[in-house]
C-alpha atoms as a PDB file:
ATOM      1  CA  MET A   1     111.024 108.504 103.621  1.00  0.00           C
ATOM      2  CA  GLU A   2     109.288 111.382 104.453  1.00  0.00           C
ATOM      3  CA  LEU A   3     106.542 110.596 105.783  1.00  0.00           C
ATOM      4  CA  LEU A   4     104.814 114.326 106.736  1.00  0.00           C
ATOM      5  CA  LYS A   5     106.061 117.629 106.371  1.00  0.00           C
ATOM      6  CA  ILE A   6     106.297 119.234 109.515  1.00  0.00           C
ATOM      7  CA  GLY A   7     105.172 122.508 109.918  1.00  0.00           C
ATOM      8  CA  LYS A   8     101.886 124.434 110.428  1.00  0.00           C
ATOM      9  CA  TYR A   9      98.754 122.410 109.304  1.00  0.00           C
ATOM     10  CA  LYS A  10      95.033 123.948 109.690  1.00  0.00           C
ATOM     11  CA  HIS A  11      92.178 121.632 111.166  1.00  0.00           C
ATOM     12  CA  PHE A  12      88.981 120.896 109.179  1.00  0.00           C
ATOM     13  CA  LYS A  13      86.941 122.869 112.019  1.00  0.00           C
ATOM     14  CA  GLY A  14      89.762 125.822 111.571  1.00  0.00           C
ATOM     15  CA  ASN A  15      91.942 125.261 114.499  1.00  0.00           C
ATOM     16  CA  GLU A  16      96.002 125.904 113.940  1.00  0.00           C
ATOM     17  CA  TYR A  17      97.990 123.412 114.869  1.00  0.00           C
ATOM     18  CA  LYS A  18     102.154 122.881 114.293  1.00  0.00           C
ATOM     19  CA  VAL A  19     103.848 119.388 113.340  1.00  0.00           C
ATOM     20  CA  LEU A  20     106.988 118.942 115.591  1.00  0.00           C
ATOM     21  CA  TYR A  21     107.419 115.615 115.309  1.00  0.00           C
ATOM     22  CA  VAL A  22     106.548 111.915 113.787  1.00  0.00           C
ATOM     23  CA  ALA A  23     106.559 109.059 116.315  1.00  0.00           C
ATOM     24  CA  LYS A  24     107.289 105.454 116.150  1.00  0.00           C
ATOM     25  CA  ASP A  25     104.703 103.728 118.592  1.00  0.00           C
ATOM     26  CA  SER A  26     106.982 101.746 120.852  1.00  0.00           C
ATOM     27  CA  GLU A  27     104.582  98.617 121.509  1.00  0.00           C
ATOM     28  CA  THR A  28     102.562  98.764 117.330  1.00  0.00           C
ATOM     29  CA  LEU A  29     105.385 100.233 115.149  1.00  0.00           C
ATOM     30  CA  GLU A  30     102.782 102.736 114.206  1.00  0.00           C
ATOM     31  CA  TYR A  31     103.661 105.845 113.344  1.00  0.00           C
ATOM     32  CA  MET A  32     102.453 108.829 115.104  1.00  0.00           C
ATOM     33  CA  VAL A  33     102.110 112.712 114.506  1.00  0.00           C
ATOM     34  CA  VAL A  34     103.729 114.420 117.750  1.00  0.00           C
ATOM     35  CA  TYR A  35     101.990 117.921 117.314  1.00  0.00           C
ATOM     36  CA  GLN A  36     101.629 120.888 119.103  1.00  0.00           C
ATOM     37  CA  ALA A  37      97.596 123.423 119.493  1.00  0.00           C
ATOM     38  CA  LEU A  38      98.669 127.159 118.448  1.00  0.00           C
ATOM     39  CA  TYR A  39      95.687 127.925 121.027  1.00  0.00           C
ATOM     40  CA  GLY A  40      94.662 127.874 123.974  1.00  0.00           C
ATOM     41  CA  ASP A  41      96.745 126.210 126.439  1.00  0.00           C
ATOM     42  CA  TYR A  42      99.781 124.984 123.423  1.00  0.00           C
ATOM     43  CA  GLY A  43      99.175 121.383 125.300  1.00  0.00           C
ATOM     44  CA  ILE A  44     100.648 118.996 122.785  1.00  0.00           C
ATOM     45  CA  TRP A  45      99.193 115.821 121.479  1.00  0.00           C
ATOM     46  CA  VAL A  46      99.276 112.946 119.429  1.00  0.00           C
ATOM     47  CA  ARG A  47      97.715 111.160 117.628  1.00  0.00           C
ATOM     48  CA  PRO A  48      98.363 108.142 115.129  1.00  0.00           C
ATOM     49  CA  LEU A  49      99.374 109.350 110.995  1.00  0.00           C
ATOM     50  CA  LYS A  50      96.428 107.112 109.014  1.00  0.00           C
ATOM     51  CA  MET A  51      93.776 109.183 111.127  1.00  0.00           C
ATOM     52  CA  TRP A  52      96.062 112.859 110.491  1.00  0.00           C
ATOM     53  CA  ASN A  53      95.725 111.951 106.847  1.00  0.00           C
ATOM     54  CA  GLU A  54      92.365 110.810 106.732  1.00  0.00           C
ATOM     55  CA  LYS A  55      89.349 111.870 104.607  1.00  0.00           C
ATOM     56  CA  VAL A  56      86.840 113.204 105.748  1.00  0.00           C
ATOM     57  CA  LEU A  57      82.955 114.823 106.000  1.00  0.00           C
ATOM     58  CA  LYS A  58      82.461 118.312 106.234  1.00  0.00           C
ATOM     59  CA  ASP A  59      78.672 119.536 105.072  1.00  0.00           C
ATOM     60  CA  GLY A  60      78.507 116.565 102.796  1.00  0.00           C
ATOM     61  CA  VAL A  61      82.208 116.930 101.290  1.00  0.00           C
ATOM     62  CA  GLU A  62      85.148 114.716 101.675  1.00  0.00           C
ATOM     63  CA  VAL A  63      88.066 116.823 102.720  1.00  0.00           C
ATOM     64  CA  SER A  64      91.923 116.159 104.606  1.00  0.00           C
ATOM     65  CA  ARG A  65      91.315 116.116 108.736  1.00  0.00           C
ATOM     66  CA  PHE A  66      94.771 118.159 108.538  1.00  0.00           C
ATOM     67  CA  LYS A  67      96.017 120.495 106.265  1.00  0.00           C
ATOM     68  CA  PHE A  68      99.282 121.749 105.724  1.00  0.00           C
ATOM     69  CA  ILE A  69      99.633 125.631 105.414  1.00  0.00           C
ATOM     70  CA  GLU A  70     103.399 126.800 105.992  1.00  0.00           C
END
């Protein structure tokens, strides 16, 4: 089962990120997204998959937190 496409995503605030992996937390078994910022120091981050896929409000409109772009 594919949980998330590996590739480039745009955050609703405008920055771009590259999804590197989807991993499982060893304690909770929750799926986590391992991703890299494509700006600044190109830091590596992790975020729960559930949060990655959430909808958020932007200017009163519900949008995806991250949108796949390539």
